[in-house]
């Protein structure tokens, strides 16, 4: 029996004249994710992408797992390839569906006939295939309203396909169609989720991490690499730039009012990130901030932070509560790593009573008096590059 994977696209189908460009990027991303699993023929026709393994020894379970992580795919399924004849469909369908039908009590057959030259219409195909399956599996009953199993038969221009389970994809649009942006990544729960959500909107990511040894450990740095590796299963490969932040944080502690530590730290991070981002052709910054979650994420504090950069700042988690963010982190597989007990630089020198309504002129005055801007170039010149692959 010959099997292929059928992929249904989502938003791409609505892109009008740009649709082909989106499909080309999606196919490129699929090829990149499965290239090490074997050789495949990948094509697109009638709003469906076909992944056909060249050899029979390829594990389609592995392929499906990879495909499930590619943005731009709304649903996919493994399917039996048949000749465009009822004889061949009836000869193969029952055996192909054995595992699914033996464990079910009710089923129905749905048919789609895009090739109008096929001699039977869709209802006739469904009735014929359903009758044959009832002969092979007499324990089954037909339930057209609420079946345990739905068997789908598709008759297309290039062949006929029988499939059963339809699996959900990640949705969104292909990574690389939405531009480039830099994610300020920490070892917490929020920023990996923010990275995932912007990659889902087609953004190609560059990661920027701030490290403050000896206050932050090498294990904390490795934790961030591990988080990004998980995110890269969805976003694809990315560059991670680690910024040495110890001197700047110590200067903030020694020379700035304690209640402004956090807001000044965030502003310096934004200024450094803007330089790194522009050096990597990024046109926006991404943060994992959620309104009101902590003192530096009040509307006044974020307005003060935003004046530190001229770049567009995306905050995809802005209206979410912690429970919603955790739910996504569990879904994408970052939660367990995020809660490992290795702190990042955001928790270094945390003030006892941070200012939740900072006044910009006083913040800028404190930065100027501490001469912090003079330290930005040194930090940028000493960033460390790590390439992150899935």
Protein backbone atom coordinates (compact mmCIF):
# COMPACT_ATOMS: atom_id res chain seq x y z
CA UNK A 1 0.00 0.00 0.00
CA UNK A 2 1.19 3.46 -0.84
CA UNK A 3 0.66 6.27 1.67
CA UNK A 4 1.08 10.01 1.40
CA UNK A 5 0.37 12.99 3.64
CA UNK A 6 -2.30 15.47 2.58
CA UNK A 7 -1.97 19.00 3.99
CA UNK A 8 -4.71 21.61 4.18
CA UNK A 9 -3.72 25.25 4.37
CA UNK A 10 -5.64 27.86 6.33
CA UNK A 11 -5.25 31.60 5.88
CA UNK A 12 -3.06 31.09 2.83
CA UNK A 13 -6.15 30.27 0.79
CA UNK A 14 -7.37 33.84 1.38
CA UNK A 15 -4.20 35.61 0.17
CA UNK A 16 -5.48 36.27 -3.36
CA UNK A 17 -2.74 37.10 -5.84
CA UNK A 18 -0.07 36.58 -3.14
CA UNK A 19 -1.22 33.06 -2.39
CA UNK A 20 1.45 31.38 -4.50
CA UNK A 21 4.21 33.21 -2.63
CA UNK A 22 2.84 31.98 0.70
CA UNK A 23 2.57 28.42 -0.64
CA UNK A 24 6.15 28.52 -1.89
CA UNK A 25 7.45 29.61 1.53
CA UNK A 26 5.35 26.96 3.27
CA UNK A 27 6.68 24.20 1.00
CA UNK A 28 10.23 25.45 1.62
CA UNK A 29 9.64 25.33 5.39
CA UNK A 30 8.18 21.80 5.18
CA UNK A 31 11.16 20.59 3.15
CA UNK A 32 13.55 22.08 5.69
CA UNK A 33 11.80 20.37 8.61
CA UNK A 34 11.67 16.87 7.09
CA UNK A 35 14.78 16.78 4.90
CA UNK A 36 16.69 14.52 7.30
CA UNK A 37 13.90 11.91 7.39
CA UNK A 38 14.29 10.83 3.77
CA UNK A 39 13.49 11.90 0.24
CA UNK A 40 10.07 13.25 -0.66
CA UNK A 41 8.17 14.63 -3.61
CA UNK A 42 6.22 17.69 -2.45
CA UNK A 43 3.63 19.33 -4.68
CA UNK A 44 0.56 21.53 -4.41
CA UNK A 45 -2.75 21.28 -6.26
CA UNK A 46 -6.38 22.15 -5.53
CA UNK A 47 -5.61 23.86 -2.18
CA UNK A 48 -3.81 20.75 -0.94
CA UNK A 49 -0.11 20.07 -0.41
CA UNK A 50 1.00 16.49 -1.12
CA UNK A 51 3.98 14.92 0.65
CA UNK A 52 4.90 11.70 -1.12
CA UNK A 53 7.74 9.59 0.33
CA UNK A 54 10.10 8.32 -2.35
CA UNK A 55 10.98 5.13 -0.44
CA UNK A 56 8.77 2.81 1.61
CA UNK A 57 11.04 2.70 4.67
CA UNK A 58 10.29 6.30 5.72
CA UNK A 59 8.48 6.55 9.07
CA UNK A 60 5.39 8.67 8.39
CA UNK A 61 4.77 9.04 12.12
CA UNK A 62 7.98 11.08 12.34
CA UNK A 63 6.98 13.08 9.29
CA UNK A 64 3.56 13.84 10.78
CA UNK A 65 5.13 15.02 14.04
CA UNK A 66 7.36 17.46 12.16
CA UNK A 67 4.51 18.64 9.91
CA UNK A 68 2.34 19.29 12.97
CA UNK A 69 4.84 21.96 14.08
CA UNK A 70 4.99 23.94 10.83
CA UNK A 71 3.04 27.22 10.78
CA UNK A 72 0.66 27.70 7.86
CA UNK A 73 -0.89 24.23 8.10
CA UNK A 74 -4.42 24.06 9.50
CA UNK A 75 -4.91 20.27 9.17
CA UNK A 76 -3.23 17.19 7.72
CA UNK A 77 -3.78 13.47 7.41
CA UNK A 78 -2.15 10.27 6.24
CA UNK A 79 -3.93 8.85 3.22
CA UNK A 80 -3.99 5.71 1.11
CA UNK A 81 -3.25 6.27 -2.57
CA UNK A 82 -5.54 4.40 -4.98
CA UNK A 83 -6.13 4.31 -8.68
CA UNK A 84 -9.13 6.33 -9.82
CA UNK A 85 -11.43 3.32 -9.96
CA UNK A 86 -14.00 1.99 -7.54
CA UNK A 87 -12.50 -1.48 -7.86
CA UNK A 88 -9.13 -0.34 -6.53
CA UNK A 89 -10.68 1.85 -3.81
CA UNK A 90 -12.85 -1.06 -2.60
CA UNK A 91 -9.97 -3.53 -2.81
CA UNK A 92 -7.63 -1.48 -0.59
CA UNK A 93 -9.73 0.69 1.73
CA UNK A 94 -10.85 -2.01 4.16
CA UNK A 95 -7.38 -3.36 4.86
CA UNK A 96 -5.91 0.15 5.15
CA UNK A 97 -8.50 1.19 7.74
CA UNK A 98 -8.25 -2.01 9.80
CA UNK A 99 -6.75 -0.51 12.97
CA UNK A 100 -9.24 2.35 13.07
CA UNK A 101 -12.38 0.37 12.24
CA UNK A 102 -11.70 -2.61 14.50
CA UNK A 103 -11.72 -0.34 17.53
CA UNK A 104 -14.88 1.54 16.58
CA UNK A 105 -18.58 0.82 16.79
CA UNK A 106 -19.98 3.44 14.44
CA UNK A 107 -18.74 5.13 11.26
CA UNK A 108 -19.74 7.03 8.18
CA UNK A 109 -18.19 7.67 4.79
CA UNK A 110 -17.83 11.12 3.26
CA UNK A 111 -16.74 11.56 -0.33
CA UNK A 112 -15.39 14.48 -2.33
CA UNK A 113 -15.28 14.27 -6.11
CA UNK A 114 -13.31 17.14 -7.59
CA UNK A 115 -12.83 15.18 -10.83
CA UNK A 116 -16.31 15.45 -12.29
CA UNK A 117 -15.46 12.88 -14.97
CA UNK A 118 -15.46 10.12 -12.37
CA UNK A 119 -18.50 7.91 -13.12
CA UNK A 120 -20.00 7.94 -9.59
CA UNK A 121 -21.17 11.04 -7.74
CA UNK A 122 -20.10 11.72 -4.16
CA UNK A 123 -23.19 10.15 -2.46
CA UNK A 124 -22.81 7.05 -4.61
CA UNK A 125 -19.13 6.73 -3.75
CA UNK A 126 -19.96 6.99 -0.04
CA UNK A 127 -22.73 4.39 -0.25
CA UNK A 128 -20.58 1.95 -2.20
CA UNK A 129 -17.55 2.24 0.07
CA UNK A 130 -19.74 2.15 3.18
CA UNK A 131 -21.42 -1.04 2.02
CA UNK A 132 -18.08 -2.72 1.37
CA UNK A 133 -16.77 -1.75 4.82
CA UNK A 134 -19.91 -3.14 6.48
CA UNK A 135 -19.25 -6.45 4.75
CA UNK A 136 -15.66 -6.54 6.03
CA UNK A 137 -16.51 -5.27 9.52
CA UNK A 138 -19.99 -6.57 10.43
CA UNK A 139 -19.70 -5.24 13.99
CA UNK A 140 -19.93 -1.67 12.67
CA UNK A 141 -23.04 0.44 12.37
CA UNK A 142 -23.56 3.56 10.27
CA UNK A 143 -24.12 6.79 12.20
CA UNK A 144 -24.20 9.83 9.93
CA UNK A 145 -24.73 12.33 12.75
CA UNK A 146 -22.21 11.38 15.42
CA UNK A 147 -19.88 8.62 14.20
CA UNK A 148 -16.80 7.48 16.05
CA UNK A 149 -14.92 7.23 12.77
CA UNK A 150 -15.33 9.27 9.61
CA UNK A 151 -13.81 7.73 6.49
CA UNK A 152 -13.12 10.23 3.72
CA UNK A 153 -12.72 9.30 0.08
CA UNK A 154 -11.34 12.00 -2.23
CA UNK A 155 -11.31 11.62 -6.00
CA UNK A 156 -8.96 14.20 -7.45
CA UNK A 157 -7.32 14.89 -10.78
CA UNK A 158 -4.22 12.84 -9.98
CA UNK A 159 -5.72 9.91 -8.10
CA UNK A 160 -8.05 8.74 -5.35
CA UNK A 161 -7.27 8.96 -1.66
CA UNK A 162 -8.76 7.25 1.38
CA UNK A 163 -8.14 8.76 4.79
CA UNK A 164 -9.51 8.55 8.29
CA UNK A 165 -7.98 10.67 11.01
CA UNK A 166 -7.56 14.39 10.37
CA UNK A 167 -5.00 16.00 12.66
CA UNK A 168 -4.85 19.68 13.56
CA UNK A 169 -1.90 21.75 12.48
CA UNK A 170 -0.52 24.88 14.13
CA UNK A 171 -2.42 27.27 11.85
CA UNK A 172 -1.03 30.75 11.31
CA UNK A 173 1.03 31.72 8.29
CA UNK A 174 4.45 30.42 7.15
CA UNK A 175 7.51 31.71 8.98
CA UNK A 176 9.33 34.12 6.70
CA UNK A 177 6.27 35.80 5.22
CA UNK A 178 5.83 38.35 8.01
CA UNK A 179 9.28 39.93 8.20
CA UNK A 180 12.07 39.75 10.79
CA UNK A 181 11.89 40.67 14.48
CA UNK A 182 14.03 40.21 17.58
CA UNK A 183 12.64 38.54 20.70
CA UNK A 184 14.02 39.61 24.09
CA UNK A 185 14.26 36.14 25.58
CA UNK A 186 14.59 35.25 29.25
CA UNK A 187 14.41 31.94 31.04
CA UNK A 188 10.85 32.51 32.22
CA UNK A 189 7.49 31.31 31.02
CA UNK A 190 6.37 34.36 29.05
CA UNK A 191 9.00 35.24 26.44
CA UNK A 192 9.18 31.77 24.79
CA UNK A 193 5.40 31.91 24.37
CA UNK A 194 5.67 35.41 22.87
CA UNK A 195 8.29 34.09 20.43
CA UNK A 196 6.01 31.22 19.41
CA UNK A 197 3.04 33.52 18.88
CA UNK A 198 4.90 35.95 16.65
CA UNK A 199 6.45 33.11 14.64
CA UNK A 200 2.87 31.94 14.09
CA UNK A 201 2.23 35.27 12.35
CA UNK A 202 5.07 34.60 9.91
CA UNK A 203 7.86 36.39 11.79
CA UNK A 204 11.40 35.08 11.40
CA UNK A 205 13.07 35.36 14.79
CA UNK A 206 16.37 36.60 16.12
CA UNK A 207 16.82 36.07 19.86
CA UNK A 208 18.51 38.47 22.31
CA UNK A 209 19.37 37.29 25.81
CA UNK A 210 20.92 39.34 28.61
CA UNK A 211 23.32 37.54 30.94
CA UNK A 212 24.87 38.88 34.15
CA UNK A 213 27.54 36.51 35.42
CA UNK A 214 28.30 35.77 38.19
CA UNK A 215 24.78 36.78 39.28
CA UNK A 216 23.38 34.49 36.58
CA UNK A 217 24.89 31.06 36.02
CA UNK A 218 25.96 29.12 32.93
CA UNK A 219 23.06 26.80 33.64
CA UNK A 220 20.70 29.75 33.29
CA UNK A 221 22.21 30.46 29.88
CA UNK A 222 21.89 26.82 28.82
CA UNK A 223 18.28 26.90 29.97
CA UNK A 224 17.55 29.73 27.55
CA UNK A 225 19.25 27.82 24.72
CA UNK A 226 17.08 24.82 25.57
CA UNK A 227 13.93 26.95 25.47
CA UNK A 228 14.87 28.43 22.11
CA UNK A 229 15.59 24.97 20.73
CA UNK A 230 12.01 23.99 21.61
CA UNK A 231 10.64 27.18 20.04
CA UNK A 232 12.73 26.55 16.92
CA UNK A 233 10.71 23.40 16.22
CA UNK A 234 7.96 25.81 15.23
CA UNK A 235 9.89 28.91 14.16
CA UNK A 236 12.84 27.30 12.42
CA UNK A 237 16.50 28.04 13.05
CA UNK A 238 17.50 31.36 14.59
CA UNK A 239 20.50 33.30 15.85
CA UNK A 240 20.75 33.96 19.57
CA UNK A 241 22.82 36.92 20.75
CA UNK A 242 23.87 36.91 24.41
CA UNK A 243 24.58 40.39 25.75
CA UNK A 244 26.98 40.82 28.72
CA UNK A 245 24.92 42.91 31.12
CA UNK A 246 26.77 42.69 34.43
CA UNK A 247 28.58 46.05 34.28
CA UNK A 248 25.41 47.88 33.29
CA UNK A 249 23.35 46.34 36.07
CA UNK A 250 26.03 47.08 38.65
CA UNK A 251 26.17 50.68 37.43
CA UNK A 252 22.39 50.98 37.72
CA UNK A 253 22.56 49.62 41.27
CA UNK A 254 25.40 51.95 42.30
CA UNK A 255 24.27 55.16 40.61
CA UNK A 256 20.47 55.14 40.16
CA UNK A 257 17.53 55.47 42.59
CA UNK A 258 16.49 52.02 43.77
CA UNK A 259 12.82 52.41 42.84
CA UNK A 260 13.89 53.02 39.21
CA UNK A 261 16.23 50.02 38.90
CA UNK A 262 13.80 47.89 36.90
CA UNK A 263 12.53 50.55 34.53
CA UNK A 264 16.05 51.81 33.74
CA UNK A 265 17.23 48.24 33.19
CA UNK A 266 14.36 47.63 30.74
CA UNK A 267 15.15 50.85 28.86
CA UNK A 268 18.82 49.90 28.48
CA UNK A 269 17.78 46.46 27.26
CA UNK A 270 15.58 48.06 24.62
CA UNK A 271 18.36 50.36 23.43
CA UNK A 272 20.87 47.53 23.15
CA UNK A 273 18.30 45.24 21.51
CA UNK A 274 17.48 47.90 18.92
CA UNK A 275 21.12 47.98 17.78
CA UNK A 276 21.44 44.19 17.66
CA UNK A 277 18.09 43.89 15.90
CA UNK A 278 18.93 46.42 13.19
CA UNK A 279 22.28 44.70 12.63
CA UNK A 280 20.24 41.59 11.81
CA UNK A 281 17.72 43.26 9.47
CA UNK A 282 14.94 43.16 12.07
CA UNK A 283 12.25 45.83 11.96
CA UNK A 284 10.60 45.17 15.33
CA UNK A 285 11.26 43.99 18.87
CA UNK A 286 9.17 41.38 20.72
CA UNK A 287 8.73 41.11 24.47
CA UNK A 288 6.79 38.75 26.72
CA UNK A 289 5.15 41.53 28.72
CA UNK A 290 1.58 41.18 30.00
CA UNK A 291 -0.19 44.30 31.22
CA UNK A 292 -0.14 44.59 35.00
CA UNK A 293 1.71 41.32 35.62
CA UNK A 294 4.65 42.96 37.43
CA UNK A 295 5.73 46.49 38.30
CA UNK A 296 7.64 47.04 35.04
CA UNK A 297 4.57 46.03 33.03
CA UNK A 298 2.12 48.73 34.07
CA UNK A 299 0.86 50.98 31.30
CA UNK A 300 2.95 53.87 32.65
CA UNK A 301 6.11 51.77 32.91
CA UNK A 302 5.74 50.36 29.40
CA UNK A 303 5.11 53.82 27.96
CA UNK A 304 8.33 54.95 29.63
CA UNK A 305 10.19 51.90 28.29
CA UNK A 306 8.98 52.44 24.73
CA UNK A 307 10.54 55.90 24.51
CA UNK A 308 13.97 54.23 24.71
CA UNK A 309 13.62 52.86 21.18
CA UNK A 310 12.35 54.02 17.82
CA UNK A 311 11.49 50.46 16.78
CA UNK A 312 8.04 48.91 16.71
CA UNK A 313 7.51 46.77 19.82
CA UNK A 314 5.23 43.71 19.66
CA UNK A 315 3.72 42.43 22.91
CA UNK A 316 1.61 39.41 21.89
CA UNK A 317 0.81 38.49 25.52
CA UNK A 318 -0.35 41.95 26.53
CA UNK A 319 -3.97 41.01 27.26
CA UNK A 320 -3.38 37.52 28.65
CA UNK A 321 -3.40 36.39 32.25
CA UNK A 322 -0.83 33.96 33.62
CA UNK A 323 -3.11 30.94 33.31
CA UNK A 324 -3.59 31.55 29.58
CA UNK A 325 0.15 31.96 29.03
CA UNK A 326 0.94 28.78 30.97
CA UNK A 327 -1.61 26.86 28.90
CA UNK A 328 0.20 27.79 25.69
CA UNK A 329 3.62 27.05 27.23
CA UNK A 330 2.43 23.55 28.12
CA UNK A 331 1.05 23.06 24.61
CA UNK A 332 4.32 23.98 22.89
CA UNK A 333 6.51 22.15 25.40
CA UNK A 334 8.40 25.03 27.06
CA UNK A 335 6.72 25.06 30.49
CA UNK A 336 8.77 22.38 32.24
CA UNK A 337 12.02 24.00 31.13
CA UNK A 338 10.82 27.50 32.02
CA UNK A 339 10.19 26.55 35.65
CA UNK A 340 13.67 25.09 36.17
CA UNK A 341 15.28 26.99 39.10
CA UNK A 342 17.86 29.02 37.19
CA UNK A 343 17.17 32.75 37.39
CA UNK A 344 17.85 35.33 34.69
CA UNK A 345 19.17 38.87 34.92
CA UNK A 346 15.69 40.37 35.27
CA UNK A 347 15.66 39.19 38.89
CA UNK A 348 19.08 40.65 39.74
CA UNK A 349 18.98 43.70 42.06
CA UNK A 350 15.17 43.76 42.13
CA UNK A 351 14.04 46.82 44.15
CA UNK A 352 11.86 46.31 47.22
CA UNK A 353 9.43 49.02 46.12
CA UNK A 354 9.64 49.51 42.33
CA UNK A 355 8.03 52.63 40.84
CA UNK A 356 4.87 51.58 38.98
CA UNK A 357 4.19 55.11 37.64
CA UNK A 358 7.64 56.31 36.58
CA UNK A 359 7.99 59.88 35.30
CA UNK A 360 10.04 59.89 32.12
CA UNK A 361 12.04 63.07 32.79
CA UNK A 362 13.27 61.74 36.14
CA UNK A 363 14.17 58.37 34.58
CA UNK A 364 16.15 60.04 31.77
CA UNK A 365 17.83 62.33 34.29
CA UNK A 366 18.95 59.35 36.36
CA UNK A 367 20.33 57.61 33.24
CA UNK A 368 22.28 60.71 32.18
CA UNK A 369 23.75 61.25 35.62
CA UNK A 370 24.89 57.63 35.72
CA UNK A 371 26.35 57.95 32.18
CA UNK A 372 24.79 54.62 31.23
CA UNK A 373 24.61 55.37 27.51
CA UNK A 374 28.39 55.21 27.38
CA UNK A 375 28.23 51.52 28.30
CA UNK A 376 25.89 50.45 25.49
CA UNK A 377 28.54 50.26 22.74
CA UNK A 378 30.80 48.05 24.85
CA UNK A 379 27.93 45.63 25.53
CA UNK A 380 26.97 45.45 21.84
CA UNK A 381 30.56 44.86 20.78
CA UNK A 382 30.86 41.88 23.13
CA UNK A 383 27.70 39.94 22.28
CA UNK A 384 28.08 36.18 21.85
CA UNK A 385 26.43 34.44 18.91
CA UNK A 386 24.83 30.99 19.23
CA UNK A 387 23.01 29.34 16.33
CA UNK A 388 19.83 27.57 17.44
CA UNK A 389 18.50 24.66 15.36
CA UNK A 390 15.43 22.44 15.92
